[in-house]
Amino acid sequence: LPEDPKSNNTSPHMCAQLLDETRRLDAEAERDAKRGRPESAEHKEQRQKMNKRYSERCAGIARAGTVPR
């Protein structure tokens, strides 16, 4: 996915992909926590980056109800 959130690349399809990735990373972190494994700094950074990209690009679409949460 392109890095520039201002480049009008926001679409429901892209937002759904970002949301899927953020959910996958969150679930992985939750599984590791339940197993007593600490989250790596790299994984945490990746989760934060995906969450930020989703909120920057898709907040309006998510509020409008196009992408289910």
C-alpha atoms as a PDB file:
ATOM      1  CA  LEU A   1       0.000   0.000   0.000  1.00  0.00           C
ATOM      2  CA  PRO A   2       1.292   3.478  -0.768  1.00  0.00           C
ATOM      3  CA  GLU A   3       2.739   5.408   2.177  1.00  0.00           C
ATOM      4  CA  ASP A   4       1.207   8.813   1.315  1.00  0.00           C
ATOM      5  CA  PRO A   5      -2.189   9.137   3.038  1.00  0.00           C
ATOM      6  CA  LYS A   6      -2.886  12.395   1.180  1.00  0.00           C
ATOM      7  CA  SER A   7      -2.730  10.807  -2.279  1.00  0.00           C
ATOM      8  CA  ASN A   8      -6.463  10.003  -2.473  1.00  0.00           C
ATOM      9  CA  ASN A   9      -5.894   6.258  -2.309  1.00  0.00           C
ATOM     10  CA  THR A  10      -8.591   5.727   0.293  1.00  0.00           C
ATOM     11  CA  SER A  11     -11.043   3.119  -0.844  1.00  0.00           C
ATOM     12  CA  PRO A  12     -13.213   0.662   1.044  1.00  0.00           C
ATOM     13  CA  HIS A  13     -11.145  -2.202  -0.411  1.00  0.00           C
ATOM     14  CA  MET A  14      -7.835  -0.749   0.795  1.00  0.00           C
ATOM     15  CA  CYS A  15      -9.350   0.066   4.174  1.00  0.00           C
ATOM     16  CA  ALA A  16     -10.638  -3.483   4.511  1.00  0.00           C
ATOM     17  CA  GLN A  17      -7.128  -4.779   3.803  1.00  0.00           C
ATOM     18  CA  LEU A  18      -5.615  -2.446   6.391  1.00  0.00           C
ATOM     19  CA  LEU A  19      -8.263  -3.453   8.913  1.00  0.00           C
ATOM     20  CA  ASP A  20      -7.615  -7.153   8.269  1.00  0.00           C
ATOM     21  CA  GLU A  21      -3.895  -6.635   8.792  1.00  0.00           C
ATOM     22  CA  THR A  22      -4.375  -4.674  12.018  1.00  0.00           C
ATOM     23  CA  ARG A  23      -6.724  -7.350  13.348  1.00  0.00           C
ATOM     24  CA  ARG A  24      -4.263 -10.107  12.397  1.00  0.00           C
ATOM     25  CA  LEU A  25      -1.398  -8.348  14.162  1.00  0.00           C
ATOM     26  CA  ASP A  26      -3.551  -7.671  17.248  1.00  0.00           C
ATOM     27  CA  ALA A  27      -4.646 -11.314  17.411  1.00  0.00           C
ATOM     28  CA  GLU A  28      -1.050 -12.479  17.093  1.00  0.00           C
ATOM     29  CA  ALA A  29       0.026 -10.187  19.950  1.00  0.00           C
ATOM     30  CA  GLU A  30      -2.874 -11.420  22.076  1.00  0.00           C
ATOM     31  CA  ARG A  31      -1.968 -15.076  21.434  1.00  0.00           C
ATOM     32  CA  ASP A  32       1.641 -14.427  22.381  1.00  0.00           C
ATOM     33  CA  ALA A  33       0.585 -12.622  25.565  1.00  0.00           C
ATOM     34  CA  LYS A  34      -1.623 -15.564  26.578  1.00  0.00           C
ATOM     35  CA  ARG A  35       1.368 -17.856  26.069  1.00  0.00           C
ATOM     36  CA  GLY A  36       3.525 -15.629  28.246  1.00  0.00           C
ATOM     37  CA  ARG A  37       5.686 -14.406  25.384  1.00  0.00           C
ATOM     38  CA  PRO A  38       6.598 -10.736  25.289  1.00  0.00           C
ATOM     39  CA  GLU A  39       5.816  -8.848  22.114  1.00  0.00           C
ATOM     40  CA  SER A  40       8.917  -7.975  20.126  1.00  0.00           C
ATOM     41  CA  ALA A  41       9.689  -4.318  19.535  1.00  0.00           C
ATOM     42  CA  GLU A  42       9.492  -4.928  15.787  1.00  0.00           C
ATOM     43  CA  HIS A  43       6.024  -6.477  16.028  1.00  0.00           C
ATOM     44  CA  LYS A  44       4.775  -3.699  18.291  1.00  0.00           C
ATOM     45  CA  GLU A  45       6.105  -1.067  15.888  1.00  0.00           C
ATOM     46  CA  GLN A  46       4.411  -2.820  12.963  1.00  0.00           C
ATOM     47  CA  ARG A  47       1.073  -2.929  14.827  1.00  0.00           C
ATOM     48  CA  GLN A  48       1.309   0.752  15.693  1.00  0.00           C
ATOM     49  CA  LYS A  49       2.181   1.655  12.096  1.00  0.00           C
ATOM     50  CA  MET A  50      -0.792  -0.287  10.695  1.00  0.00           C
ATOM     51  CA  ASN A  51      -3.170   1.227  13.245  1.00  0.00           C
ATOM     52  CA  LYS A  52      -1.901   4.710  12.398  1.00  0.00           C
ATOM     53  CA  ARG A  53      -2.248   4.130   8.647  1.00  0.00           C
ATOM     54  CA  TYR A  54      -5.767   2.809   9.125  1.00  0.00           C
ATOM     55  CA  SER A  55      -6.831   5.757  11.271  1.00  0.00           C
ATOM     56  CA  GLU A  56      -5.259   8.308   8.899  1.00  0.00           C
ATOM     57  CA  ARG A  57      -6.761   6.874   5.738  1.00  0.00           C
ATOM     58  CA  CYS A  58      -9.946   5.171   6.769  1.00  0.00           C
ATOM     59  CA  ALA A  59     -11.409   7.000   9.755  1.00  0.00           C
ATOM     60  CA  GLY A  60     -14.075   8.684   7.601  1.00  0.00           C
ATOM     61  CA  ILE A  61     -15.022   5.458   5.860  1.00  0.00           C
ATOM     62  CA  ALA A  62     -15.163   3.551   9.158  1.00  0.00           C
ATOM     63  CA  ARG A  63     -17.361   6.263  10.734  1.00  0.00           C
ATOM     64  CA  ALA A  64     -19.675   6.118   7.741  1.00  0.00           C
ATOM     65  CA  GLY A  65     -20.156   2.408   8.344  1.00  0.00           C
ATOM     66  CA  THR A  66     -18.642   1.197   5.065  1.00  0.00           C
ATOM     67  CA  VAL A  67     -15.969  -0.926   6.755  1.00  0.00           C
ATOM     68  CA  PRO A  68     -17.261  -3.056   9.658  1.00  0.00           C
ATOM     69  CA  ARG A  69     -15.252  -2.956  12.878  1.00  0.00           C
END
